[in-house]
Amino acid sequence: LESFRRWAKSDELPERGRFSFLDG
């Protein structure tokens, strides 16, 4: 979850699409 949040807040996350982290 911690690394997912870092990625979600970075410029690397694509502008289109929905991205979630659920139960690993």
PDBML (XML) file of the C-alpha atoms, coordinates in Angstrom:
<?xml version="1.0" encoding="UTF-8" ?>
<PDBx:datablock datablockName="MODEL"
   xmlns:PDBx="http://pdbml.pdb.org/schema/pdbx-v50.xsd"
   xmlns:xsi="http://www.w3.org/2001/XMLSchema-instance"
   xsi:schemaLocation="http://pdbml.pdb.org/schema/pdbx-v50.xsd pdbx-v50.xsd">
   <PDBx:atom_siteCategory>
      <PDBx:atom_site id="1">
         <PDBx:B_iso_or_equiv>0.00</PDBx:B_iso_or_equiv>
         <PDBx:Cartn_x>0.000</PDBx:Cartn_x>
         <PDBx:Cartn_y>0.000</PDBx:Cartn_y>
         <PDBx:Cartn_z>0.000</PDBx:Cartn_z>
         <PDBx:auth_asym_id>A</PDBx:auth_asym_id>
         <PDBx:auth_atom_id>CA</PDBx:auth_atom_id>
         <PDBx:auth_comp_id>LEU</PDBx:auth_comp_id>
         <PDBx:auth_seq_id>1</PDBx:auth_seq_id>
         <PDBx:group_PDB>ATOM</PDBx:group_PDB>
         <PDBx:label_alt_id xsi:nil="true" />
         <PDBx:label_asym_id>A</PDBx:label_asym_id>
         <PDBx:label_atom_id>CA</PDBx:label_atom_id>
         <PDBx:label_comp_id>LEU</PDBx:label_comp_id>
         <PDBx:label_entity_id>1</PDBx:label_entity_id>
         <PDBx:label_seq_id>1</PDBx:label_seq_id>
         <PDBx:occupancy>1.00</PDBx:occupancy>
         <PDBx:pdbx_PDB_model_num>1</PDBx:pdbx_PDB_model_num>
         <PDBx:type_symbol>C</PDBx:type_symbol>
      </PDBx:atom_site>
      <PDBx:atom_site id="2">
         <PDBx:B_iso_or_equiv>0.00</PDBx:B_iso_or_equiv>
         <PDBx:Cartn_x>2.782</PDBx:Cartn_x>
         <PDBx:Cartn_y>2.447</PDBx:Cartn_y>
         <PDBx:Cartn_z>0.842</PDBx:Cartn_z>
         <PDBx:auth_asym_id>A</PDBx:auth_asym_id>
         <PDBx:auth_atom_id>CA</PDBx:auth_atom_id>
         <PDBx:auth_comp_id>GLU</PDBx:auth_comp_id>
         <PDBx:auth_seq_id>2</PDBx:auth_seq_id>
         <PDBx:group_PDB>ATOM</PDBx:group_PDB>
         <PDBx:label_alt_id xsi:nil="true" />
         <PDBx:label_asym_id>A</PDBx:label_asym_id>
         <PDBx:label_atom_id>CA</PDBx:label_atom_id>
         <PDBx:label_comp_id>GLU</PDBx:label_comp_id>
         <PDBx:label_entity_id>1</PDBx:label_entity_id>
         <PDBx:label_seq_id>2</PDBx:label_seq_id>
         <PDBx:occupancy>1.00</PDBx:occupancy>
         <PDBx:pdbx_PDB_model_num>1</PDBx:pdbx_PDB_model_num>
         <PDBx:type_symbol>C</PDBx:type_symbol>
      </PDBx:atom_site>
      <PDBx:atom_site id="3">
         <PDBx:B_iso_or_equiv>0.00</PDBx:B_iso_or_equiv>
         <PDBx:Cartn_x>4.553</PDBx:Cartn_x>
         <PDBx:Cartn_y>2.003</PDBx:Cartn_y>
         <PDBx:Cartn_z>-2.511</PDBx:Cartn_z>
         <PDBx:auth_asym_id>A</PDBx:auth_asym_id>
         <PDBx:auth_atom_id>CA</PDBx:auth_atom_id>
         <PDBx:auth_comp_id>SER</PDBx:auth_comp_id>
         <PDBx:auth_seq_id>3</PDBx:auth_seq_id>
         <PDBx:group_PDB>ATOM</PDBx:group_PDB>
         <PDBx:label_alt_id xsi:nil="true" />
         <PDBx:label_asym_id>A</PDBx:label_asym_id>
         <PDBx:label_atom_id>CA</PDBx:label_atom_id>
         <PDBx:label_comp_id>SER</PDBx:label_comp_id>
         <PDBx:label_entity_id>1</PDBx:label_entity_id>
         <PDBx:label_seq_id>3</PDBx:label_seq_id>
         <PDBx:occupancy>1.00</PDBx:occupancy>
         <PDBx:pdbx_PDB_model_num>1</PDBx:pdbx_PDB_model_num>
         <PDBx:type_symbol>C</PDBx:type_symbol>
      </PDBx:atom_site>
      <PDBx:atom_site id="4">
         <PDBx:B_iso_or_equiv>0.00</PDBx:B_iso_or_equiv>
         <PDBx:Cartn_x>1.193</PDBx:Cartn_x>
         <PDBx:Cartn_y>2.087</PDBx:Cartn_y>
         <PDBx:Cartn_z>-4.343</PDBx:Cartn_z>
         <PDBx:auth_asym_id>A</PDBx:auth_asym_id>
         <PDBx:auth_atom_id>CA</PDBx:auth_atom_id>
         <PDBx:auth_comp_id>PHE</PDBx:auth_comp_id>
         <PDBx:auth_seq_id>4</PDBx:auth_seq_id>
         <PDBx:group_PDB>ATOM</PDBx:group_PDB>
         <PDBx:label_alt_id xsi:nil="true" />
         <PDBx:label_asym_id>A</PDBx:label_asym_id>
         <PDBx:label_atom_id>CA</PDBx:label_atom_id>
         <PDBx:label_comp_id>PHE</PDBx:label_comp_id>
         <PDBx:label_entity_id>1</PDBx:label_entity_id>
         <PDBx:label_seq_id>4</PDBx:label_seq_id>
         <PDBx:occupancy>1.00</PDBx:occupancy>
         <PDBx:pdbx_PDB_model_num>1</PDBx:pdbx_PDB_model_num>
         <PDBx:type_symbol>C</PDBx:type_symbol>
      </PDBx:atom_site>
      <PDBx:atom_site id="5">
         <PDBx:B_iso_or_equiv>0.00</PDBx:B_iso_or_equiv>
         <PDBx:Cartn_x>0.420</PDBx:Cartn_x>
         <PDBx:Cartn_y>5.468</PDBx:Cartn_y>
         <PDBx:Cartn_z>-2.756</PDBx:Cartn_z>
         <PDBx:auth_asym_id>A</PDBx:auth_asym_id>
         <PDBx:auth_atom_id>CA</PDBx:auth_atom_id>
         <PDBx:auth_comp_id>ARG</PDBx:auth_comp_id>
         <PDBx:auth_seq_id>5</PDBx:auth_seq_id>
         <PDBx:group_PDB>ATOM</PDBx:group_PDB>
         <PDBx:label_alt_id xsi:nil="true" />
         <PDBx:label_asym_id>A</PDBx:label_asym_id>
         <PDBx:label_atom_id>CA</PDBx:label_atom_id>
         <PDBx:label_comp_id>ARG</PDBx:label_comp_id>
         <PDBx:label_entity_id>1</PDBx:label_entity_id>
         <PDBx:label_seq_id>5</PDBx:label_seq_id>
         <PDBx:occupancy>1.00</PDBx:occupancy>
         <PDBx:pdbx_PDB_model_num>1</PDBx:pdbx_PDB_model_num>
         <PDBx:type_symbol>C</PDBx:type_symbol>
      </PDBx:atom_site>
      <PDBx:atom_site id="6">
         <PDBx:B_iso_or_equiv>0.00</PDBx:B_iso_or_equiv>
         <PDBx:Cartn_x>3.851</PDBx:Cartn_x>
         <PDBx:Cartn_y>6.784</PDBx:Cartn_y>
         <PDBx:Cartn_z>-3.774</PDBx:Cartn_z>
         <PDBx:auth_asym_id>A</PDBx:auth_asym_id>
         <PDBx:auth_atom_id>CA</PDBx:auth_atom_id>
         <PDBx:auth_comp_id>ARG</PDBx:auth_comp_id>
         <PDBx:auth_seq_id>6</PDBx:auth_seq_id>
         <PDBx:group_PDB>ATOM</PDBx:group_PDB>
         <PDBx:label_alt_id xsi:nil="true" />
         <PDBx:label_asym_id>A</PDBx:label_asym_id>
         <PDBx:label_atom_id>CA</PDBx:label_atom_id>
         <PDBx:label_comp_id>ARG</PDBx:label_comp_id>
         <PDBx:label_entity_id>1</PDBx:label_entity_id>
         <PDBx:label_seq_id>6</PDBx:label_seq_id>
         <PDBx:occupancy>1.00</PDBx:occupancy>
         <PDBx:pdbx_PDB_model_num>1</PDBx:pdbx_PDB_model_num>
         <PDBx:type_symbol>C</PDBx:type_symbol>
      </PDBx:atom_site>
      <PDBx:atom_site id="7">
         <PDBx:B_iso_or_equiv>0.00</PDBx:B_iso_or_equiv>
         <PDBx:Cartn_x>3.167</PDBx:Cartn_x>
         <PDBx:Cartn_y>5.661</PDBx:Cartn_y>
         <PDBx:Cartn_z>-7.358</PDBx:Cartn_z>
         <PDBx:auth_asym_id>A</PDBx:auth_asym_id>
         <PDBx:auth_atom_id>CA</PDBx:auth_atom_id>
         <PDBx:auth_comp_id>TRP</PDBx:auth_comp_id>
         <PDBx:auth_seq_id>7</PDBx:auth_seq_id>
         <PDBx:group_PDB>ATOM</PDBx:group_PDB>
         <PDBx:label_alt_id xsi:nil="true" />
         <PDBx:label_asym_id>A</PDBx:label_asym_id>
         <PDBx:label_atom_id>CA</PDBx:label_atom_id>
         <PDBx:label_comp_id>TRP</PDBx:label_comp_id>
         <PDBx:label_entity_id>1</PDBx:label_entity_id>
         <PDBx:label_seq_id>7</PDBx:label_seq_id>
         <PDBx:occupancy>1.00</PDBx:occupancy>
         <PDBx:pdbx_PDB_model_num>1</PDBx:pdbx_PDB_model_num>
         <PDBx:type_symbol>C</PDBx:type_symbol>
      </PDBx:atom_site>
      <PDBx:atom_site id="8">
         <PDBx:B_iso_or_equiv>0.00</PDBx:B_iso_or_equiv>
         <PDBx:Cartn_x>-0.377</PDBx:Cartn_x>
         <PDBx:Cartn_y>7.109</PDBx:Cartn_y>
         <PDBx:Cartn_z>-7.300</PDBx:Cartn_z>
         <PDBx:auth_asym_id>A</PDBx:auth_asym_id>
         <PDBx:auth_atom_id>CA</PDBx:auth_atom_id>
         <PDBx:auth_comp_id>ALA</PDBx:auth_comp_id>
         <PDBx:auth_seq_id>8</PDBx:auth_seq_id>
         <PDBx:group_PDB>ATOM</PDBx:group_PDB>
         <PDBx:label_alt_id xsi:nil="true" />
         <PDBx:label_asym_id>A</PDBx:label_asym_id>
         <PDBx:label_atom_id>CA</PDBx:label_atom_id>
         <PDBx:label_comp_id>ALA</PDBx:label_comp_id>
         <PDBx:label_entity_id>1</PDBx:label_entity_id>
         <PDBx:label_seq_id>8</PDBx:label_seq_id>
         <PDBx:occupancy>1.00</PDBx:occupancy>
         <PDBx:pdbx_PDB_model_num>1</PDBx:pdbx_PDB_model_num>
         <PDBx:type_symbol>C</PDBx:type_symbol>
      </PDBx:atom_site>
      <PDBx:atom_site id="9">
         <PDBx:B_iso_or_equiv>0.00</PDBx:B_iso_or_equiv>
         <PDBx:Cartn_x>0.950</PDBx:Cartn_x>
         <PDBx:Cartn_y>10.530</PDBx:Cartn_y>
         <PDBx:Cartn_z>-6.263</PDBx:Cartn_z>
         <PDBx:auth_asym_id>A</PDBx:auth_asym_id>
         <PDBx:auth_atom_id>CA</PDBx:auth_atom_id>
         <PDBx:auth_comp_id>LYS</PDBx:auth_comp_id>
         <PDBx:auth_seq_id>9</PDBx:auth_seq_id>
         <PDBx:group_PDB>ATOM</PDBx:group_PDB>
         <PDBx:label_alt_id xsi:nil="true" />
         <PDBx:label_asym_id>A</PDBx:label_asym_id>
         <PDBx:label_atom_id>CA</PDBx:label_atom_id>
         <PDBx:label_comp_id>LYS</PDBx:label_comp_id>
         <PDBx:label_entity_id>1</PDBx:label_entity_id>
         <PDBx:label_seq_id>9</PDBx:label_seq_id>
         <PDBx:occupancy>1.00</PDBx:occupancy>
         <PDBx:pdbx_PDB_model_num>1</PDBx:pdbx_PDB_model_num>
         <PDBx:type_symbol>C</PDBx:type_symbol>
      </PDBx:atom_site>
      <PDBx:atom_site id="10">
         <PDBx:B_iso_or_equiv>0.00</PDBx:B_iso_or_equiv>
         <PDBx:Cartn_x>3.802</PDBx:Cartn_x>
         <PDBx:Cartn_y>10.515</PDBx:Cartn_y>
         <PDBx:Cartn_z>-8.785</PDBx:Cartn_z>
         <PDBx:auth_asym_id>A</PDBx:auth_asym_id>
         <PDBx:auth_atom_id>CA</PDBx:auth_atom_id>
         <PDBx:auth_comp_id>SER</PDBx:auth_comp_id>
         <PDBx:auth_seq_id>10</PDBx:auth_seq_id>
         <PDBx:group_PDB>ATOM</PDBx:group_PDB>
         <PDBx:label_alt_id xsi:nil="true" />
         <PDBx:label_asym_id>A</PDBx:label_asym_id>
         <PDBx:label_atom_id>CA</PDBx:label_atom_id>
         <PDBx:label_comp_id>SER</PDBx:label_comp_id>
         <PDBx:label_entity_id>1</PDBx:label_entity_id>
         <PDBx:label_seq_id>10</PDBx:label_seq_id>
         <PDBx:occupancy>1.00</PDBx:occupancy>
         <PDBx:pdbx_PDB_model_num>1</PDBx:pdbx_PDB_model_num>
         <PDBx:type_symbol>C</PDBx:type_symbol>
      </PDBx:atom_site>
      <PDBx:atom_site id="11">
         <PDBx:B_iso_or_equiv>0.00</PDBx:B_iso_or_equiv>
         <PDBx:Cartn_x>3.862</PDBx:Cartn_x>
         <PDBx:Cartn_y>11.690</PDBx:Cartn_y>
         <PDBx:Cartn_z>-12.390</PDBx:Cartn_z>
         <PDBx:auth_asym_id>A</PDBx:auth_asym_id>
         <PDBx:auth_atom_id>CA</PDBx:auth_atom_id>
         <PDBx:auth_comp_id>ASP</PDBx:auth_comp_id>
         <PDBx:auth_seq_id>11</PDBx:auth_seq_id>
         <PDBx:group_PDB>ATOM</PDBx:group_PDB>
         <PDBx:label_alt_id xsi:nil="true" />
         <PDBx:label_asym_id>A</PDBx:label_asym_id>
         <PDBx:label_atom_id>CA</PDBx:label_atom_id>
         <PDBx:label_comp_id>ASP</PDBx:label_comp_id>
         <PDBx:label_entity_id>1</PDBx:label_entity_id>
         <PDBx:label_seq_id>11</PDBx:label_seq_id>
         <PDBx:occupancy>1.00</PDBx:occupancy>
         <PDBx:pdbx_PDB_model_num>1</PDBx:pdbx_PDB_model_num>
         <PDBx:type_symbol>C</PDBx:type_symbol>
      </PDBx:atom_site>
      <PDBx:atom_site id="12">
         <PDBx:B_iso_or_equiv>0.00</PDBx:B_iso_or_equiv>
         <PDBx:Cartn_x>4.279</PDBx:Cartn_x>
         <PDBx:Cartn_y>8.045</PDBx:Cartn_y>
         <PDBx:Cartn_z>-13.500</PDBx:Cartn_z>
         <PDBx:auth_asym_id>A</PDBx:auth_asym_id>
         <PDBx:auth_atom_id>CA</PDBx:auth_atom_id>
         <PDBx:auth_comp_id>GLU</PDBx:auth_comp_id>
         <PDBx:auth_seq_id>12</PDBx:auth_seq_id>
         <PDBx:group_PDB>ATOM</PDBx:group_PDB>
         <PDBx:label_alt_id xsi:nil="true" />
         <PDBx:label_asym_id>A</PDBx:label_asym_id>
         <PDBx:label_atom_id>CA</PDBx:label_atom_id>
         <PDBx:label_comp_id>GLU</PDBx:label_comp_id>
         <PDBx:label_entity_id>1</PDBx:label_entity_id>
         <PDBx:label_seq_id>12</PDBx:label_seq_id>
         <PDBx:occupancy>1.00</PDBx:occupancy>
         <PDBx:pdbx_PDB_model_num>1</PDBx:pdbx_PDB_model_num>
         <PDBx:type_symbol>C</PDBx:type_symbol>
      </PDBx:atom_site>
      <PDBx:atom_site id="13">
         <PDBx:B_iso_or_equiv>0.00</PDBx:B_iso_or_equiv>
         <PDBx:Cartn_x>0.616</PDBx:Cartn_x>
         <PDBx:Cartn_y>7.208</PDBx:Cartn_y>
         <PDBx:Cartn_z>-12.883</PDBx:Cartn_z>
         <PDBx:auth_asym_id>A</PDBx:auth_asym_id>
         <PDBx:auth_atom_id>CA</PDBx:auth_atom_id>
         <PDBx:auth_comp_id>LEU</PDBx:auth_comp_id>
         <PDBx:auth_seq_id>13</PDBx:auth_seq_id>
         <PDBx:group_PDB>ATOM</PDBx:group_PDB>
         <PDBx:label_alt_id xsi:nil="true" />
         <PDBx:label_asym_id>A</PDBx:label_asym_id>
         <PDBx:label_atom_id>CA</PDBx:label_atom_id>
         <PDBx:label_comp_id>LEU</PDBx:label_comp_id>
         <PDBx:label_entity_id>1</PDBx:label_entity_id>
         <PDBx:label_seq_id>13</PDBx:label_seq_id>
         <PDBx:occupancy>1.00</PDBx:occupancy>
         <PDBx:pdbx_PDB_model_num>1</PDBx:pdbx_PDB_model_num>
         <PDBx:type_symbol>C</PDBx:type_symbol>
      </PDBx:atom_site>
      <PDBx:atom_site id="14">
         <PDBx:B_iso_or_equiv>0.00</PDBx:B_iso_or_equiv>
         <PDBx:Cartn_x>-1.296</PDBx:Cartn_x>
         <PDBx:Cartn_y>7.336</PDBx:Cartn_y>
         <PDBx:Cartn_z>-16.188</PDBx:Cartn_z>
         <PDBx:auth_asym_id>A</PDBx:auth_asym_id>
         <PDBx:auth_atom_id>CA</PDBx:auth_atom_id>
         <PDBx:auth_comp_id>PRO</PDBx:auth_comp_id>
         <PDBx:auth_seq_id>14</PDBx:auth_seq_id>
         <PDBx:group_PDB>ATOM</PDBx:group_PDB>
         <PDBx:label_alt_id xsi:nil="true" />
         <PDBx:label_asym_id>A</PDBx:label_asym_id>
         <PDBx:label_atom_id>CA</PDBx:label_atom_id>
         <PDBx:label_comp_id>PRO</PDBx:label_comp_id>
         <PDBx:label_entity_id>1</PDBx:label_entity_id>
         <PDBx:label_seq_id>14</PDBx:label_seq_id>
         <PDBx:occupancy>1.00</PDBx:occupancy>
         <PDBx:pdbx_PDB_model_num>1</PDBx:pdbx_PDB_model_num>
         <PDBx:type_symbol>C</PDBx:type_symbol>
      </PDBx:atom_site>
      <PDBx:atom_site id="15">
         <PDBx:B_iso_or_equiv>0.00</PDBx:B_iso_or_equiv>
         <PDBx:Cartn_x>-3.898</PDBx:Cartn_x>
         <PDBx:Cartn_y>10.070</PDBx:Cartn_y>
         <PDBx:Cartn_z>-16.539</PDBx:Cartn_z>
         <PDBx:auth_asym_id>A</PDBx:auth_asym_id>
         <PDBx:auth_atom_id>CA</PDBx:auth_atom_id>
         <PDBx:auth_comp_id>GLU</PDBx:auth_comp_id>
         <PDBx:auth_seq_id>15</PDBx:auth_seq_id>
         <PDBx:group_PDB>ATOM</PDBx:group_PDB>
         <PDBx:label_alt_id xsi:nil="true" />
         <PDBx:label_asym_id>A</PDBx:label_asym_id>
         <PDBx:label_atom_id>CA</PDBx:label_atom_id>
         <PDBx:label_comp_id>GLU</PDBx:label_comp_id>
         <PDBx:label_entity_id>1</PDBx:label_entity_id>
         <PDBx:label_seq_id>15</PDBx:label_seq_id>
         <PDBx:occupancy>1.00</PDBx:occupancy>
         <PDBx:pdbx_PDB_model_num>1</PDBx:pdbx_PDB_model_num>
         <PDBx:type_symbol>C</PDBx:type_symbol>
      </PDBx:atom_site>
      <PDBx:atom_site id="16">
         <PDBx:B_iso_or_equiv>0.00</PDBx:B_iso_or_equiv>
         <PDBx:Cartn_x>-6.558</PDBx:Cartn_x>
         <PDBx:Cartn_y>7.664</PDBx:Cartn_y>
         <PDBx:Cartn_z>-17.798</PDBx:Cartn_z>
         <PDBx:auth_asym_id>A</PDBx:auth_asym_id>
         <PDBx:auth_atom_id>CA</PDBx:auth_atom_id>
         <PDBx:auth_comp_id>ARG</PDBx:auth_comp_id>
         <PDBx:auth_seq_id>16</PDBx:auth_seq_id>
         <PDBx:group_PDB>ATOM</PDBx:group_PDB>
         <PDBx:label_alt_id xsi:nil="true" />
         <PDBx:label_asym_id>A</PDBx:label_asym_id>
         <PDBx:label_atom_id>CA</PDBx:label_atom_id>
         <PDBx:label_comp_id>ARG</PDBx:label_comp_id>
         <PDBx:label_entity_id>1</PDBx:label_entity_id>
         <PDBx:label_seq_id>16</PDBx:label_seq_id>
         <PDBx:occupancy>1.00</PDBx:occupancy>
         <PDBx:pdbx_PDB_model_num>1</PDBx:pdbx_PDB_model_num>
         <PDBx:type_symbol>C</PDBx:type_symbol>
      </PDBx:atom_site>
      <PDBx:atom_site id="17">
         <PDBx:B_iso_or_equiv>0.00</PDBx:B_iso_or_equiv>
         <PDBx:Cartn_x>-7.847</PDBx:Cartn_x>
         <PDBx:Cartn_y>4.638</PDBx:Cartn_y>
         <PDBx:Cartn_z>-15.957</PDBx:Cartn_z>
         <PDBx:auth_asym_id>A</PDBx:auth_asym_id>
         <PDBx:auth_atom_id>CA</PDBx:auth_atom_id>
         <PDBx:auth_comp_id>GLY</PDBx:auth_comp_id>
         <PDBx:auth_seq_id>17</PDBx:auth_seq_id>
         <PDBx:group_PDB>ATOM</PDBx:group_PDB>
         <PDBx:label_alt_id xsi:nil="true" />
         <PDBx:label_asym_id>A</PDBx:label_asym_id>
         <PDBx:label_atom_id>CA</PDBx:label_atom_id>
         <PDBx:label_comp_id>GLY</PDBx:label_comp_id>
         <PDBx:label_entity_id>1</PDBx:label_entity_id>
         <PDBx:label_seq_id>17</PDBx:label_seq_id>
         <PDBx:occupancy>1.00</PDBx:occupancy>
         <PDBx:pdbx_PDB_model_num>1</PDBx:pdbx_PDB_model_num>
         <PDBx:type_symbol>C</PDBx:type_symbol>
      </PDBx:atom_site>
      <PDBx:atom_site id="18">
         <PDBx:B_iso_or_equiv>0.00</PDBx:B_iso_or_equiv>
         <PDBx:Cartn_x>-8.825</PDBx:Cartn_x>
         <PDBx:Cartn_y>3.738</PDBx:Cartn_y>
         <PDBx:Cartn_z>-12.421</PDBx:Cartn_z>
         <PDBx:auth_asym_id>A</PDBx:auth_asym_id>
         <PDBx:auth_atom_id>CA</PDBx:auth_atom_id>
         <PDBx:auth_comp_id>ARG</PDBx:auth_comp_id>
         <PDBx:auth_seq_id>18</PDBx:auth_seq_id>
         <PDBx:group_PDB>ATOM</PDBx:group_PDB>
         <PDBx:label_alt_id xsi:nil="true" />
         <PDBx:label_asym_id>A</PDBx:label_asym_id>
         <PDBx:label_atom_id>CA</PDBx:label_atom_id>
         <PDBx:label_comp_id>ARG</PDBx:label_comp_id>
         <PDBx:label_entity_id>1</PDBx:label_entity_id>
         <PDBx:label_seq_id>18</PDBx:label_seq_id>
         <PDBx:occupancy>1.00</PDBx:occupancy>
         <PDBx:pdbx_PDB_model_num>1</PDBx:pdbx_PDB_model_num>
         <PDBx:type_symbol>C</PDBx:type_symbol>
      </PDBx:atom_site>
      <PDBx:atom_site id="19">
         <PDBx:B_iso_or_equiv>0.00</PDBx:B_iso_or_equiv>
         <PDBx:Cartn_x>-6.184</PDBx:Cartn_x>
         <PDBx:Cartn_y>2.302</PDBx:Cartn_y>
         <PDBx:Cartn_z>-10.128</PDBx:Cartn_z>
         <PDBx:auth_asym_id>A</PDBx:auth_asym_id>
         <PDBx:auth_atom_id>CA</PDBx:auth_atom_id>
         <PDBx:auth_comp_id>PHE</PDBx:auth_comp_id>
         <PDBx:auth_seq_id>19</PDBx:auth_seq_id>
         <PDBx:group_PDB>ATOM</PDBx:group_PDB>
         <PDBx:label_alt_id xsi:nil="true" />
         <PDBx:label_asym_id>A</PDBx:label_asym_id>
         <PDBx:label_atom_id>CA</PDBx:label_atom_id>
         <PDBx:label_comp_id>PHE</PDBx:label_comp_id>
         <PDBx:label_entity_id>1</PDBx:label_entity_id>
         <PDBx:label_seq_id>19</PDBx:label_seq_id>
         <PDBx:occupancy>1.00</PDBx:occupancy>
         <PDBx:pdbx_PDB_model_num>1</PDBx:pdbx_PDB_model_num>
         <PDBx:type_symbol>C</PDBx:type_symbol>
      </PDBx:atom_site>
      <PDBx:atom_site id="20">
         <PDBx:B_iso_or_equiv>0.00</PDBx:B_iso_or_equiv>
         <PDBx:Cartn_x>-6.809</PDBx:Cartn_x>
         <PDBx:Cartn_y>0.731</PDBx:Cartn_y>
         <PDBx:Cartn_z>-6.726</PDBx:Cartn_z>
         <PDBx:auth_asym_id>A</PDBx:auth_asym_id>
         <PDBx:auth_atom_id>CA</PDBx:auth_atom_id>
         <PDBx:auth_comp_id>SER</PDBx:auth_comp_id>
         <PDBx:auth_seq_id>20</PDBx:auth_seq_id>
         <PDBx:group_PDB>ATOM</PDBx:group_PDB>
         <PDBx:label_alt_id xsi:nil="true" />
         <PDBx:label_asym_id>A</PDBx:label_asym_id>
         <PDBx:label_atom_id>CA</PDBx:label_atom_id>
         <PDBx:label_comp_id>SER</PDBx:label_comp_id>
         <PDBx:label_entity_id>1</PDBx:label_entity_id>
         <PDBx:label_seq_id>20</PDBx:label_seq_id>
         <PDBx:occupancy>1.00</PDBx:occupancy>
         <PDBx:pdbx_PDB_model_num>1</PDBx:pdbx_PDB_model_num>
         <PDBx:type_symbol>C</PDBx:type_symbol>
      </PDBx:atom_site>
      <PDBx:atom_site id="21">
         <PDBx:B_iso_or_equiv>0.00</PDBx:B_iso_or_equiv>
         <PDBx:Cartn_x>-4.966</PDBx:Cartn_x>
         <PDBx:Cartn_y>-1.301</PDBx:Cartn_y>
         <PDBx:Cartn_z>-4.128</PDBx:Cartn_z>
         <PDBx:auth_asym_id>A</PDBx:auth_asym_id>
         <PDBx:auth_atom_id>CA</PDBx:auth_atom_id>
         <PDBx:auth_comp_id>PHE</PDBx:auth_comp_id>
         <PDBx:auth_seq_id>21</PDBx:auth_seq_id>
         <PDBx:group_PDB>ATOM</PDBx:group_PDB>
         <PDBx:label_alt_id xsi:nil="true" />
         <PDBx:label_asym_id>A</PDBx:label_asym_id>
         <PDBx:label_atom_id>CA</PDBx:label_atom_id>
         <PDBx:label_comp_id>PHE</PDBx:label_comp_id>
         <PDBx:label_entity_id>1</PDBx:label_entity_id>
         <PDBx:label_seq_id>21</PDBx:label_seq_id>
         <PDBx:occupancy>1.00</PDBx:occupancy>
         <PDBx:pdbx_PDB_model_num>1</PDBx:pdbx_PDB_model_num>
         <PDBx:type_symbol>C</PDBx:type_symbol>
      </PDBx:atom_site>
      <PDBx:atom_site id="22">
         <PDBx:B_iso_or_equiv>0.00</PDBx:B_iso_or_equiv>
         <PDBx:Cartn_x>-7.268</PDBx:Cartn_x>
         <PDBx:Cartn_y>-3.802</PDBx:Cartn_y>
         <PDBx:Cartn_z>-2.415</PDBx:Cartn_z>
         <PDBx:auth_asym_id>A</PDBx:auth_asym_id>
         <PDBx:auth_atom_id>CA</PDBx:auth_atom_id>
         <PDBx:auth_comp_id>LEU</PDBx:auth_comp_id>
         <PDBx:auth_seq_id>22</PDBx:auth_seq_id>
         <PDBx:group_PDB>ATOM</PDBx:group_PDB>
         <PDBx:label_alt_id xsi:nil="true" />
         <PDBx:label_asym_id>A</PDBx:label_asym_id>
         <PDBx:label_atom_id>CA</PDBx:label_atom_id>
         <PDBx:label_comp_id>LEU</PDBx:label_comp_id>
         <PDBx:label_entity_id>1</PDBx:label_entity_id>
         <PDBx:label_seq_id>22</PDBx:label_seq_id>
         <PDBx:occupancy>1.00</PDBx:occupancy>
         <PDBx:pdbx_PDB_model_num>1</PDBx:pdbx_PDB_model_num>
         <PDBx:type_symbol>C</PDBx:type_symbol>
      </PDBx:atom_site>
      <PDBx:atom_site id="23">
         <PDBx:B_iso_or_equiv>0.00</PDBx:B_iso_or_equiv>
         <PDBx:Cartn_x>-6.223</PDBx:Cartn_x>
         <PDBx:Cartn_y>-6.640</PDBx:Cartn_y>
         <PDBx:Cartn_z>-0.109</PDBx:Cartn_z>
         <PDBx:auth_asym_id>A</PDBx:auth_asym_id>
         <PDBx:auth_atom_id>CA</PDBx:auth_atom_id>
         <PDBx:auth_comp_id>ASP</PDBx:auth_comp_id>
         <PDBx:auth_seq_id>23</PDBx:auth_seq_id>
         <PDBx:group_PDB>ATOM</PDBx:group_PDB>
         <PDBx:label_alt_id xsi:nil="true" />
         <PDBx:label_asym_id>A</PDBx:label_asym_id>
         <PDBx:label_atom_id>CA</PDBx:label_atom_id>
         <PDBx:label_comp_id>ASP</PDBx:label_comp_id>
         <PDBx:label_entity_id>1</PDBx:label_entity_id>
         <PDBx:label_seq_id>23</PDBx:label_seq_id>
         <PDBx:occupancy>1.00</PDBx:occupancy>
         <PDBx:pdbx_PDB_model_num>1</PDBx:pdbx_PDB_model_num>
         <PDBx:type_symbol>C</PDBx:type_symbol>
      </PDBx:atom_site>
      <PDBx:atom_site id="24">
         <PDBx:B_iso_or_equiv>0.00</PDBx:B_iso_or_equiv>
         <PDBx:Cartn_x>-2.695</PDBx:Cartn_x>
         <PDBx:Cartn_y>-6.831</PDBx:Cartn_y>
         <PDBx:Cartn_z>-1.507</PDBx:Cartn_z>
         <PDBx:auth_asym_id>A</PDBx:auth_asym_id>
         <PDBx:auth_atom_id>CA</PDBx:auth_atom_id>
         <PDBx:auth_comp_id>GLY</PDBx:auth_comp_id>
         <PDBx:auth_seq_id>24</PDBx:auth_seq_id>
         <PDBx:group_PDB>ATOM</PDBx:group_PDB>
         <PDBx:label_alt_id xsi:nil="true" />
         <PDBx:label_asym_id>A</PDBx:label_asym_id>
         <PDBx:label_atom_id>CA</PDBx:label_atom_id>
         <PDBx:label_comp_id>GLY</PDBx:label_comp_id>
         <PDBx:label_entity_id>1</PDBx:label_entity_id>
         <PDBx:label_seq_id>24</PDBx:label_seq_id>
         <PDBx:occupancy>1.00</PDBx:occupancy>
         <PDBx:pdbx_PDB_model_num>1</PDBx:pdbx_PDB_model_num>
         <PDBx:type_symbol>C</PDBx:type_symbol>
      </PDBx:atom_site>
   </PDBx:atom_siteCategory>
</PDBx:datablock>
